[in-house]
Amino acid sequence: MSRRRKRNPLVPGSRAQLDNLQTKLISEELGKSFANKEEAKMELAKELGVPLKAGSNRDLRSEDAGKVGGAMGGRLVKELVAMSIKSLQKNNP
């Protein structure tokens, strides 16, 4: 049995803001509006052809889970890096 490590943001209480940003990025990419991160994740999985379902996904292959998680996390990281660069350029002209 594998252990799943929950990653906590460095800034306490920022999880909701990160989830909202991630939902916004997926919404922009897919051209649809989503109420929450789970809805966005399910639609992204459908777009990628991954058989993700609500509830337990014990039968989901690691490769398929990685496709969804990687796509979501990759978009978030790119946006956070872009935001950091913009902030640094603004503060250090």
Foldseek 3Di string as FASTA:
>chain_A
DDDDDDDDDPDPPCPQVLFVVLQVQLCVVVVHHDPGNVVSLVVVLVVVVFPDDPDDPVVGDPVSVCVSVVVSVVSSVVVVVVVVVVVVVVVPD
